[in-house]
Amino acid sequence: MSEQIGRTYRIERDSMGDRQILDNVYYGIQTLRAIENFPISGIKPLPTYIDACVLIKKAAAIANGELGCIPPEISQVIVQATDEVLSGKFRDQFVVDVYQAGAGTSHHMNINEVLANRALELLGDEKGNYKRVSPNDHVNYGQSTNDVIPTAIRIGALVALERTLYPALADAIATLDNKAEEFQDVVKSGRTHLQDAVPVRLGENFRAWGQILAEHMIRIERASEDLMALGLGGSAAGTGLNTHPEYCDRVAQLLSELIDQPLRPAPHLMAAMQSMAPFVSVSGSLRNLAQDCVKISHDLRLMDSGPKTGLKEIQLPPVQPGSSIMPGKYNPVMAEMTSMVCFQVMGYDSAIALAAQAGQLELNVMMPLIAYNLIHSIEILGNTLSALTQRCLEGITANRDRCLAYAEGSLALVTALNPHIGYLNAAAVAKESLETGKSLRQIVLERELMSSEELAKVLDLEEMSAMSGVQRPEL
């Protein structure tokens, strides 16, 4: 121990030499070097990613203790330390910047050092006495950054999906379905190319959005199945060097129990460690969802536009003042935020694709970028959908009179006349209506193209906008 300016330090040593470490911190010398080397973004590891790494350390400590690879008392205190971290303690000790050493060695050693030093405390020993509990020889026994980090990305993504995205998607789908029922009798003008089109039901707009999200959930679930094959146990290069013969199966079983997912060892550990394809696949499904969420958020903004000079077919719930200078203005801020988040997810997906192809030989050194971008994408999409549902979708109301007025005034109603008066006659009627302001009904009757009874039946908006039922995919 040494003291400087009222602070207490301990001395730690690695293969590069000795360094002073503040005695009140739980990380060690390798983390300190990473702090000095990578003052890049100030972005620290995501809590879910920390959880994933610590869950792996817990499962490995249990397995290695059971298999006699580390002393039982050391296994027990490492597990106790992991449980404390998983309960929310010591989170300020995970300090390595997202942009760091290739493969994630810096973050990985940060995890190992914090757990080792907390284990030492639990044994009544001093932090830094790595002869008794070593970050490398005990916490990391039979492991390598090269198999731990791709496994942590898998675990983190699976946990984030279950905790954040799937519940948010399910709530959004249910809310859209409820709105579909509420607005099923509201007839409005359809629009294609942002021009008038045949009438539709407002309820079907909402039901379509729910269907779109339901199909995206299925795509994401299918893509996530590849995350369940683990390369953990491959050690440094996929050969399983320095691991117990039973470790690979046992640690996968333990992790399955810890996160309640059917995890299994990959059929070829080296392949699972080298290829980032499962992460690209999940990220691609998230990008796909994000693209449709942008479309839905833009539709909401258009349909709420106005209130005097826009469509104003629906009213999004006002949640905050919309202008620093224009009194009484309310903006569709939840829909705007949704688009921003989705654009970020699309950017993350592009970065993941680039990082995934940048591996060489037995390792992809870009894994820290993939870890952050993938898990963050899942979580911000889930949080966004939750906020959009609770603060926007649930409170939407319909401007029924305005919807009906647009539907009745749309020139696209002439489409229904085609089978009865022919395309050219219908086009002439539409042109005259646009030039004179007369209604389609008036012009058709003046030209004696149809009887009033026939016309009333053909231009029945309720009938024209009716739609057959939808078969919702099973979630």
Protein backbone atom coordinates (compact mmCIF):
# COMPACT_ATOMS: atom_id res chain seq x y z
CA MET A 1 0.00 0.00 0.00
CA SER A 2 1.10 3.59 -0.52
CA GLU A 3 -0.53 6.96 0.14
CA GLN A 4 -0.50 10.12 -1.99
CA ILE A 5 -2.37 13.35 -1.18
CA GLY A 6 -4.69 11.61 1.24
CA ARG A 7 -5.52 8.75 -1.12
CA THR A 8 -4.72 5.10 -0.52
CA TYR A 9 -3.31 3.05 -3.37
CA ARG A 10 -2.39 -0.56 -3.98
CA ILE A 11 0.28 -1.78 -6.34
CA GLU A 12 -0.72 -4.19 -9.08
CA ARG A 13 1.49 -5.90 -11.61
CA ASP A 14 0.91 -7.26 -15.10
CA SER A 15 3.24 -8.43 -17.86
CA MET A 16 4.09 -4.78 -18.66
CA GLY A 17 5.09 -3.76 -15.14
CA ASP A 18 3.72 -2.22 -11.92
CA ARG A 19 1.08 0.48 -11.50
CA GLN A 20 -0.62 2.23 -8.62
CA ILE A 21 -4.38 1.62 -8.40
CA LEU A 22 -6.73 3.56 -6.15
CA ASP A 23 -7.56 1.11 -3.39
CA ASN A 24 -11.29 1.94 -3.39
CA VAL A 25 -11.81 0.74 -6.97
CA TYR A 26 -12.54 -2.85 -7.86
CA TYR A 27 -11.02 -2.85 -11.32
CA GLY A 28 -7.32 -3.51 -11.73
CA ILE A 29 -4.23 -2.72 -13.72
CA GLN A 30 -5.44 -3.88 -17.13
CA THR A 31 -8.58 -1.80 -16.79
CA LEU A 32 -6.46 1.20 -15.77
CA ARG A 33 -4.39 0.83 -18.92
CA ALA A 34 -7.59 0.69 -21.01
CA ILE A 35 -8.89 3.87 -19.36
CA GLU A 36 -5.66 5.61 -20.33
CA ASN A 37 -5.54 4.16 -23.84
CA PHE A 38 -9.16 4.73 -24.87
CA PRO A 39 -10.53 8.15 -23.82
CA ILE A 40 -12.69 8.06 -26.95
CA SER A 41 -16.43 8.53 -26.48
CA GLY A 42 -17.22 8.44 -22.79
CA ILE A 43 -19.78 5.72 -23.60
CA LYS A 44 -19.57 2.93 -21.05
CA PRO A 45 -20.76 -0.68 -21.51
CA LEU A 46 -24.50 -1.20 -21.56
CA PRO A 47 -25.97 -2.69 -18.35
CA THR A 48 -27.42 -5.61 -20.34
CA TYR A 49 -23.99 -6.35 -21.82
CA ILE A 50 -22.44 -6.28 -18.34
CA ASP A 51 -25.17 -8.68 -17.20
CA ALA A 52 -24.41 -11.01 -20.10
CA CYS A 53 -20.68 -11.11 -19.32
CA VAL A 54 -21.29 -11.62 -15.61
CA LEU A 55 -23.80 -14.42 -16.28
CA ILE A 56 -21.11 -16.17 -18.30
CA LYS A 57 -18.65 -15.76 -15.41
CA LYS A 58 -21.21 -17.17 -12.99
CA ALA A 59 -21.90 -20.21 -15.15
CA ALA A 60 -18.17 -20.76 -15.75
CA ALA A 61 -17.35 -20.51 -12.04
CA ILE A 62 -20.05 -23.04 -11.16
CA ALA A 63 -18.97 -25.44 -13.91
CA ASN A 64 -15.26 -25.15 -13.15
CA GLY A 65 -15.94 -25.62 -9.43
CA GLU A 66 -18.05 -28.72 -10.05
CA LEU A 67 -15.43 -30.14 -12.42
CA GLY A 68 -12.58 -29.56 -9.97
CA CYS A 69 -10.81 -27.00 -12.14
CA ILE A 70 -10.83 -24.29 -9.46
CA PRO A 71 -11.15 -24.73 -5.66
CA PRO A 72 -14.76 -24.96 -4.45
CA GLU A 73 -14.39 -22.01 -2.05
CA ILE A 74 -13.04 -19.83 -4.88
CA SER A 75 -15.92 -20.91 -7.12
CA GLN A 76 -18.40 -19.98 -4.40
CA VAL A 77 -17.08 -16.47 -3.79
CA ILE A 78 -16.87 -15.73 -7.52
CA VAL A 79 -20.51 -16.79 -7.83
CA GLN A 80 -21.40 -14.59 -4.85
CA ALA A 81 -19.62 -11.65 -6.49
CA THR A 82 -21.50 -12.22 -9.75
CA ASP A 83 -24.81 -12.28 -7.90
CA GLU A 84 -24.00 -8.94 -6.30
CA VAL A 85 -23.22 -7.38 -9.67
CA LEU A 86 -26.37 -8.86 -11.20
CA SER A 87 -28.37 -7.30 -8.35
CA GLY A 88 -27.07 -3.87 -9.41
CA LYS A 89 -24.01 -3.37 -7.25
CA PHE A 90 -20.58 -2.13 -8.43
CA ARG A 91 -21.95 -0.90 -11.77
CA ASP A 92 -19.72 2.17 -11.64
CA GLN A 93 -16.69 -0.11 -11.80
CA PHE A 94 -17.24 -1.12 -15.43
CA VAL A 95 -15.54 1.81 -17.07
CA VAL A 96 -13.93 0.83 -20.38
CA ASP A 97 -15.01 2.89 -23.38
CA VAL A 98 -17.09 1.13 -26.03
CA TYR A 99 -14.32 1.90 -28.55
CA GLN A 100 -11.44 -0.11 -27.16
CA ALA A 101 -9.01 -2.95 -27.75
CA GLY A 102 -9.98 -5.33 -30.53
CA ALA A 103 -12.21 -8.29 -29.63
CA GLY A 104 -13.13 -6.70 -26.28
CA THR A 105 -10.15 -7.80 -24.18
CA SER A 106 -10.20 -4.56 -22.19
CA HIS A 107 -13.85 -4.88 -21.17
CA HIS A 108 -13.41 -8.59 -20.54
CA MET A 109 -10.52 -7.97 -18.15
CA ASN A 110 -12.52 -5.21 -16.47
CA ILE A 111 -15.18 -7.84 -15.69
CA ASN A 112 -12.57 -10.36 -14.50
CA GLU A 113 -10.80 -7.86 -12.26
CA VAL A 114 -13.94 -6.51 -10.59
CA LEU A 115 -15.17 -10.01 -9.80
CA ALA A 116 -11.76 -11.13 -8.52
CA ASN A 117 -11.37 -8.13 -6.23
CA ARG A 118 -14.89 -8.42 -4.86
CA ALA A 119 -14.30 -12.14 -4.28
CA LEU A 120 -11.14 -11.27 -2.34
CA GLU A 121 -13.13 -8.87 -0.16
CA LEU A 122 -15.70 -11.54 0.53
CA LEU A 123 -12.87 -13.81 1.69
CA GLY A 124 -11.64 -11.05 3.99
CA ASP A 125 -8.56 -10.44 1.88
CA GLU A 126 -7.18 -7.29 0.27
CA LYS A 127 -8.01 -6.26 -3.26
CA GLY A 128 -5.15 -7.01 -5.62
CA ASN A 129 -4.00 -10.24 -3.92
CA TYR A 130 -4.36 -12.16 -7.13
CA LYS A 131 -2.40 -15.13 -5.85
CA ARG A 132 -5.50 -16.09 -3.89
CA VAL A 133 -8.17 -15.11 -6.42
CA SER A 134 -6.87 -14.29 -9.90
CA PRO A 135 -8.79 -12.50 -12.64
CA ASN A 136 -7.03 -14.75 -15.17
CA ASP A 137 -6.45 -18.05 -13.40
CA HIS A 138 -9.75 -18.32 -11.51
CA VAL A 139 -12.45 -15.95 -12.82
CA ASN A 140 -11.31 -16.60 -16.39
CA TYR A 141 -10.37 -20.25 -16.05
CA GLY A 142 -10.90 -22.14 -19.32
CA GLN A 143 -12.07 -18.99 -21.06
CA SER A 144 -10.78 -16.43 -23.51
CA THR A 145 -11.99 -13.07 -24.73
CA ASN A 146 -12.37 -14.83 -28.05
CA ASP A 147 -15.14 -17.17 -26.89
CA VAL A 148 -16.58 -15.10 -24.02
CA ILE A 149 -17.36 -11.94 -26.01
CA PRO A 150 -19.29 -13.55 -28.91
CA THR A 151 -21.20 -15.53 -26.30
CA ALA A 152 -21.90 -12.36 -24.32
CA ILE A 153 -23.28 -10.70 -27.46
CA ARG A 154 -25.62 -13.66 -27.88
CA ILE A 155 -26.73 -13.65 -24.26
CA GLY A 156 -27.08 -9.86 -24.16
CA ALA A 157 -29.17 -9.79 -27.33
CA LEU A 158 -31.45 -12.61 -26.14
CA VAL A 159 -31.95 -10.95 -22.76
CA ALA A 160 -32.61 -7.56 -24.35
CA LEU A 161 -35.16 -9.05 -26.73
CA GLU A 162 -37.05 -10.77 -23.92
CA ARG A 163 -36.86 -7.85 -21.49
CA THR A 164 -37.41 -4.94 -23.82
CA LEU A 165 -38.35 -5.46 -27.46
CA TYR A 166 -40.80 -8.36 -27.43
CA PRO A 167 -43.01 -6.91 -24.66
CA ALA A 168 -42.99 -3.51 -26.38
CA LEU A 169 -43.93 -5.02 -29.73
CA ALA A 170 -46.71 -7.07 -28.16
CA ASP A 171 -48.16 -3.98 -26.45
CA ALA A 172 -47.96 -1.93 -29.64
CA ILE A 173 -49.71 -4.66 -31.64
CA ALA A 174 -52.48 -5.00 -29.04
CA THR A 175 -52.99 -1.22 -28.94
CA LEU A 176 -53.18 -0.98 -32.72
CA ASP A 177 -55.69 -3.82 -32.80
CA ASN A 178 -57.81 -2.03 -30.19
CA LYS A 179 -57.74 1.16 -32.22
CA ALA A 180 -58.67 -0.82 -35.31
CA GLU A 181 -61.84 -1.96 -33.60
CA GLU A 182 -62.57 1.55 -32.31
CA PHE A 183 -62.19 3.15 -35.76
CA GLN A 184 -63.61 0.34 -37.90
CA ASP A 185 -66.70 2.34 -38.87
CA VAL A 186 -64.73 5.47 -39.86
CA VAL A 187 -64.56 5.88 -43.65
CA LYS A 188 -61.74 8.02 -45.00
CA SER A 189 -60.05 8.73 -48.29
CA GLY A 190 -57.26 6.40 -49.23
CA ARG A 191 -54.12 7.96 -50.72
CA THR A 192 -51.54 6.62 -53.13
CA HIS A 193 -48.66 8.74 -54.39
CA LEU A 194 -49.98 11.25 -51.79
CA GLN A 195 -52.96 11.72 -54.13
CA ASP A 196 -56.62 10.85 -53.57
CA ALA A 197 -57.41 7.14 -53.83
CA VAL A 198 -60.44 4.94 -53.19
CA PRO A 199 -61.98 5.07 -49.70
CA VAL A 200 -60.71 2.89 -46.88
CA ARG A 201 -61.59 2.38 -43.24
CA LEU A 202 -59.46 4.16 -40.65
CA GLY A 203 -59.67 1.02 -38.57
CA GLU A 204 -58.01 -0.96 -41.35
CA ASN A 205 -55.12 1.50 -41.39
CA PHE A 206 -54.47 0.65 -37.75
CA ARG A 207 -55.06 -3.06 -38.28
CA ALA A 208 -52.54 -3.03 -41.14
CA TRP A 209 -49.93 -1.44 -38.88
CA GLY A 210 -50.56 -4.08 -36.24
CA GLN A 211 -50.19 -6.81 -38.87
CA ILE A 212 -46.91 -5.29 -40.04
CA LEU A 213 -45.48 -5.29 -36.50
CA ALA A 214 -46.71 -8.83 -35.84
CA GLU A 215 -44.90 -10.10 -38.92
CA HIS A 216 -41.73 -8.28 -37.84
CA MET A 217 -41.85 -9.97 -34.45
CA ILE A 218 -41.91 -13.34 -36.16
CA ARG A 219 -38.93 -12.39 -38.34
CA ILE A 220 -36.91 -11.25 -35.33
CA GLU A 221 -37.77 -14.39 -33.36
CA ARG A 222 -36.64 -16.56 -36.26
CA ALA A 223 -33.39 -14.65 -36.63
CA SER A 224 -32.69 -14.86 -32.90
CA GLU A 225 -32.76 -18.66 -32.95
CA ASP A 226 -29.17 -18.62 -34.26
CA LEU A 227 -28.07 -16.78 -31.11
CA MET A 228 -28.72 -19.91 -29.06
CA ALA A 229 -25.75 -21.88 -30.43
CA LEU A 230 -22.75 -20.93 -28.27
CA GLY A 231 -19.05 -21.02 -29.03
CA LEU A 232 -18.27 -20.85 -25.30
CA GLY A 233 -15.72 -23.52 -24.50
CA GLY A 234 -13.72 -22.89 -27.64
CA SER A 235 -11.20 -20.95 -25.57
CA ALA A 236 -8.59 -18.97 -27.54
CA ALA A 237 -9.03 -20.30 -31.07
CA GLY A 238 -11.93 -22.74 -30.99
CA THR A 239 -9.97 -25.86 -30.04
CA GLY A 240 -11.05 -25.86 -26.39
CA LEU A 241 -7.46 -25.57 -25.12
CA ASN A 242 -7.25 -25.49 -21.29
CA THR A 243 -10.87 -26.49 -20.77
CA HIS A 244 -12.27 -29.58 -19.04
CA PRO A 245 -13.81 -32.10 -21.49
CA GLU A 246 -17.23 -31.66 -19.87
CA TYR A 247 -17.04 -27.88 -19.51
CA CYS A 248 -18.57 -26.92 -22.86
CA ASP A 249 -21.80 -28.85 -22.33
CA ARG A 250 -22.08 -27.99 -18.64
CA VAL A 251 -21.60 -24.23 -19.05
CA ALA A 252 -24.20 -24.12 -21.86
CA GLN A 253 -26.65 -25.98 -19.63
CA LEU A 254 -26.05 -23.60 -16.74
CA LEU A 255 -26.49 -20.53 -18.95
CA SER A 256 -29.72 -22.01 -20.31
CA GLU A 257 -31.04 -22.22 -16.76
CA LEU A 258 -29.85 -18.72 -15.87
CA ILE A 259 -31.64 -16.96 -18.75
CA ASP A 260 -34.39 -19.54 -19.40
CA GLN A 261 -33.45 -20.09 -23.04
CA PRO A 262 -32.66 -23.37 -24.86
CA LEU A 263 -28.95 -22.68 -25.33
CA ARG A 264 -26.60 -25.32 -26.69
CA PRO A 265 -22.98 -25.70 -27.74
CA ALA A 266 -22.47 -24.83 -31.38
CA PRO A 267 -21.76 -27.81 -33.66
CA HIS A 268 -18.35 -26.28 -34.45
CA LEU A 269 -16.96 -23.98 -31.78
CA MET A 270 -14.41 -22.39 -34.08
CA ALA A 271 -17.10 -21.45 -36.58
CA ALA A 272 -19.28 -19.94 -33.85
CA MET A 273 -16.37 -17.83 -32.63
CA GLN A 274 -15.33 -16.57 -36.06
CA SER A 275 -18.61 -15.83 -37.82
CA MET A 276 -20.69 -12.81 -36.88
CA ALA A 277 -23.53 -13.98 -39.15
CA PRO A 278 -26.10 -14.47 -36.34
CA PHE A 279 -25.61 -10.87 -35.24
CA VAL A 280 -25.91 -9.57 -38.80
CA SER A 281 -29.13 -11.54 -39.22
CA VAL A 282 -30.72 -10.19 -36.03
CA SER A 283 -29.53 -6.68 -36.81
CA GLY A 284 -31.00 -6.94 -40.29
CA SER A 285 -34.37 -7.93 -38.84
CA LEU A 286 -34.18 -4.92 -36.51
CA ARG A 287 -33.39 -2.65 -39.44
CA ASN A 288 -36.38 -4.09 -41.28
CA LEU A 289 -38.61 -3.32 -38.30
CA ALA A 290 -37.14 0.17 -37.99
CA GLN A 291 -37.90 0.93 -41.63
CA ASP A 292 -41.58 0.11 -41.20
CA CYS A 293 -41.72 1.99 -37.90
CA VAL A 294 -40.48 5.07 -39.77
CA LYS A 295 -43.24 4.58 -42.32
CA ILE A 296 -45.87 4.26 -39.58
CA SER A 297 -44.56 7.30 -37.71
CA HIS A 298 -44.63 9.36 -40.90
CA ASP A 299 -48.20 8.22 -41.61
CA LEU A 300 -49.24 9.33 -38.13
CA ARG A 301 -47.68 12.74 -38.69
CA LEU A 302 -49.38 13.19 -42.06
CA MET A 303 -52.79 12.13 -40.81
CA ASP A 304 -52.45 14.50 -37.83
CA SER A 305 -51.11 17.40 -39.91
CA GLY A 306 -52.80 20.77 -39.54
CA PRO A 307 -54.88 21.57 -37.62
CA LYS A 308 -56.20 24.09 -40.19
CA THR A 309 -54.03 23.54 -43.25
CA GLY A 310 -53.31 19.81 -43.12
CA LEU A 311 -55.25 16.54 -43.20
CA LYS A 312 -56.17 16.39 -39.48
CA GLU A 313 -57.98 13.07 -39.88
CA ILE A 314 -56.71 11.98 -36.47
CA GLN A 315 -55.56 13.76 -33.33
CA LEU A 316 -52.38 12.55 -31.68
CA PRO A 317 -52.38 13.30 -27.96
CA PRO A 318 -50.46 16.52 -27.21
CA VAL A 319 -47.65 15.74 -24.74
CA GLN A 320 -45.70 19.01 -24.67
CA PRO A 321 -45.79 22.55 -26.12
CA GLY A 322 -44.61 22.49 -29.71
CA SER A 323 -42.96 25.84 -30.22
CA SER A 324 -40.82 28.35 -28.38
CA ILE A 325 -42.46 31.20 -30.32
CA MET A 326 -45.89 30.05 -31.60
CA PRO A 327 -48.44 29.76 -28.77
CA GLY A 328 -50.91 26.90 -28.85
CA LYS A 329 -48.82 24.75 -31.18
CA TYR A 330 -48.51 21.02 -30.50
CA ASN A 331 -46.22 18.82 -32.53
CA PRO A 332 -46.28 15.03 -33.14
CA VAL A 333 -43.14 14.63 -31.03
CA MET A 334 -43.50 10.94 -30.19
CA ALA A 335 -43.71 10.06 -33.88
CA GLU A 336 -40.76 12.35 -34.62
CA MET A 337 -38.67 10.70 -31.91
CA THR A 338 -39.57 7.28 -33.31
CA SER A 339 -38.13 8.16 -36.70
CA MET A 340 -34.90 9.46 -35.16
CA VAL A 341 -34.36 6.27 -33.19
CA CYS A 342 -35.10 4.15 -36.25
CA PHE A 343 -32.57 6.08 -38.34
CA GLN A 344 -29.98 5.37 -35.63
CA VAL A 345 -30.83 1.66 -35.70
CA MET A 346 -30.35 1.65 -39.47
CA GLY A 347 -26.95 3.27 -39.00
CA TYR A 348 -26.00 0.71 -36.36
CA ASP A 349 -26.98 -2.05 -38.76
CA SER A 350 -24.65 -0.68 -41.43
CA ALA A 351 -21.80 -0.53 -38.90
CA ILE A 352 -22.51 -4.11 -37.78
CA ALA A 353 -22.40 -5.31 -41.39
CA LEU A 354 -19.04 -3.64 -41.94
CA ALA A 355 -17.64 -4.94 -38.65
CA ALA A 356 -18.85 -8.48 -39.30
CA GLN A 357 -16.84 -8.84 -42.49
CA ALA A 358 -13.71 -7.37 -40.90
CA GLY A 359 -12.55 -10.50 -39.09
CA GLN A 360 -9.39 -12.34 -40.01
CA LEU A 361 -8.49 -15.99 -39.49
CA GLU A 362 -9.52 -17.17 -36.00
CA LEU A 363 -10.95 -13.89 -34.67
CA ASN A 364 -13.12 -10.90 -35.43
CA VAL A 365 -11.57 -7.99 -33.55
CA MET A 366 -14.54 -5.67 -34.19
CA MET A 367 -16.79 -7.45 -31.68
CA PRO A 368 -17.00 -4.54 -29.20
CA LEU A 369 -18.69 -2.42 -31.87
CA ILE A 370 -21.08 -5.22 -32.75
CA ALA A 371 -21.91 -5.81 -29.09
CA TYR A 372 -22.80 -2.21 -28.39
CA ASN A 373 -24.66 -1.55 -31.63
CA LEU A 374 -26.75 -4.73 -31.57
CA ILE A 375 -27.83 -4.63 -27.93
CA HIS A 376 -28.38 -0.88 -28.02
CA SER A 377 -30.51 -1.23 -31.16
CA ILE A 378 -32.73 -3.80 -29.46
CA GLU A 379 -33.14 -1.69 -26.35
CA ILE A 380 -33.77 1.68 -27.95
CA LEU A 381 -36.27 0.15 -30.37
CA GLY A 382 -38.08 -1.51 -27.47
CA ASN A 383 -38.05 1.66 -25.37
CA THR A 384 -39.24 3.68 -28.36
CA LEU A 385 -42.16 1.39 -29.10
CA SER A 386 -43.16 1.45 -25.42
CA ALA A 387 -43.09 5.24 -25.32
CA LEU A 388 -44.90 5.55 -28.65
CA THR A 389 -47.61 3.15 -27.51
CA GLN A 390 -48.18 4.71 -24.10
CA ARG A 391 -47.84 8.37 -25.01
CA CYS A 392 -49.23 8.38 -28.53
CA LEU A 393 -51.04 5.33 -29.91
CA GLU A 394 -53.27 4.72 -26.89
CA GLY A 395 -54.60 8.29 -26.94
CA ILE A 396 -55.29 8.75 -30.67
CA THR A 397 -58.77 9.99 -31.55
CA ALA A 398 -60.47 10.16 -34.95
CA ASN A 399 -61.85 13.29 -36.61
CA ARG A 400 -64.78 11.40 -38.07
CA ASP A 401 -66.47 14.28 -39.90
CA ARG A 402 -63.26 15.31 -41.61
CA CYS A 403 -62.48 11.75 -42.63
CA LEU A 404 -65.92 11.35 -44.19
CA ALA A 405 -65.75 14.70 -45.96
CA TYR A 406 -62.45 13.77 -47.61
CA ALA A 407 -63.82 10.37 -48.62
CA GLU A 408 -66.96 11.85 -50.17
CA GLY A 409 -65.05 14.57 -51.98
CA SER A 410 -62.38 12.33 -53.45
CA LEU A 411 -62.20 12.11 -57.24
CA ALA A 412 -60.94 8.57 -56.80
CA LEU A 413 -64.54 7.48 -56.21
CA VAL A 414 -64.81 7.51 -59.97
CA THR A 415 -62.85 4.24 -59.94
CA ALA A 416 -65.99 2.43 -58.82
CA LEU A 417 -67.79 3.72 -61.93
CA ASN A 418 -65.36 2.07 -64.38
CA PRO A 419 -67.24 -1.25 -64.70
CA HIS A 420 -70.53 0.63 -65.27
CA ILE A 421 -69.70 3.56 -67.55
CA GLY A 422 -66.25 2.67 -68.89
CA TYR A 423 -62.81 4.09 -68.18
CA LEU A 424 -62.99 6.97 -70.69
CA ASN A 425 -66.39 8.17 -69.48
CA ALA A 426 -65.19 7.90 -65.89
CA ALA A 427 -62.08 9.95 -66.72
CA ALA A 428 -64.23 12.62 -68.38
CA VAL A 429 -66.47 12.78 -65.30
CA ALA A 430 -63.45 13.18 -63.04
CA LYS A 431 -62.00 15.93 -65.25
CA GLU A 432 -65.28 17.86 -65.28
CA SER A 433 -65.64 17.54 -61.51
CA LEU A 434 -62.15 18.91 -60.99
CA GLU A 435 -62.73 21.83 -63.39
CA THR A 436 -66.24 22.79 -62.25
CA GLY A 437 -66.38 21.74 -58.64
CA LYS A 438 -69.49 19.68 -59.29
CA SER A 439 -69.79 16.35 -57.49
CA LEU A 440 -69.24 13.08 -59.33
CA ARG A 441 -72.83 12.09 -58.59
CA GLN A 442 -74.21 15.30 -60.15
CA ILE A 443 -72.19 14.95 -63.34
CA VAL A 444 -73.05 11.26 -63.85
CA LEU A 445 -76.76 12.03 -63.49
CA GLU A 446 -76.55 15.09 -65.76
CA ARG A 447 -74.90 12.99 -68.44
CA GLU A 448 -77.48 10.26 -67.90
CA LEU A 449 -74.75 7.67 -67.58
CA MET A 450 -76.50 5.86 -64.72
CA SER A 451 -79.78 6.00 -62.80
CA SER A 452 -79.81 7.56 -59.34
CA GLU A 453 -80.59 4.14 -57.80
CA GLU A 454 -77.68 2.46 -59.55
CA LEU A 455 -75.36 5.34 -58.67
CA ALA A 456 -76.31 5.24 -54.97
CA LYS A 457 -75.49 1.53 -54.88
CA VAL A 458 -72.18 1.86 -56.72
CA LEU A 459 -70.99 4.86 -54.68
CA ASP A 460 -71.88 3.34 -51.29
CA LEU A 461 -68.82 4.35 -49.27
CA GLU A 462 -69.47 1.77 -46.56
CA GLU A 463 -69.50 -1.02 -49.12
CA MET A 464 -66.56 0.35 -51.11
CA SER A 465 -64.32 0.55 -48.06
CA ALA A 466 -65.28 -2.82 -46.55
CA MET A 467 -62.44 -5.33 -46.25
CA SER A 468 -62.40 -9.04 -45.57
CA GLY A 469 -60.96 -10.32 -42.29
CA VAL A 470 -57.23 -10.63 -41.63
CA GLN A 471 -55.49 -13.83 -40.58
CA ARG A 472 -53.04 -12.65 -37.90
CA PRO A 473 -49.82 -14.70 -37.72
CA GLU A 474 -49.32 -16.55 -34.44
CA LEU A 475 -46.82 -14.77 -32.16
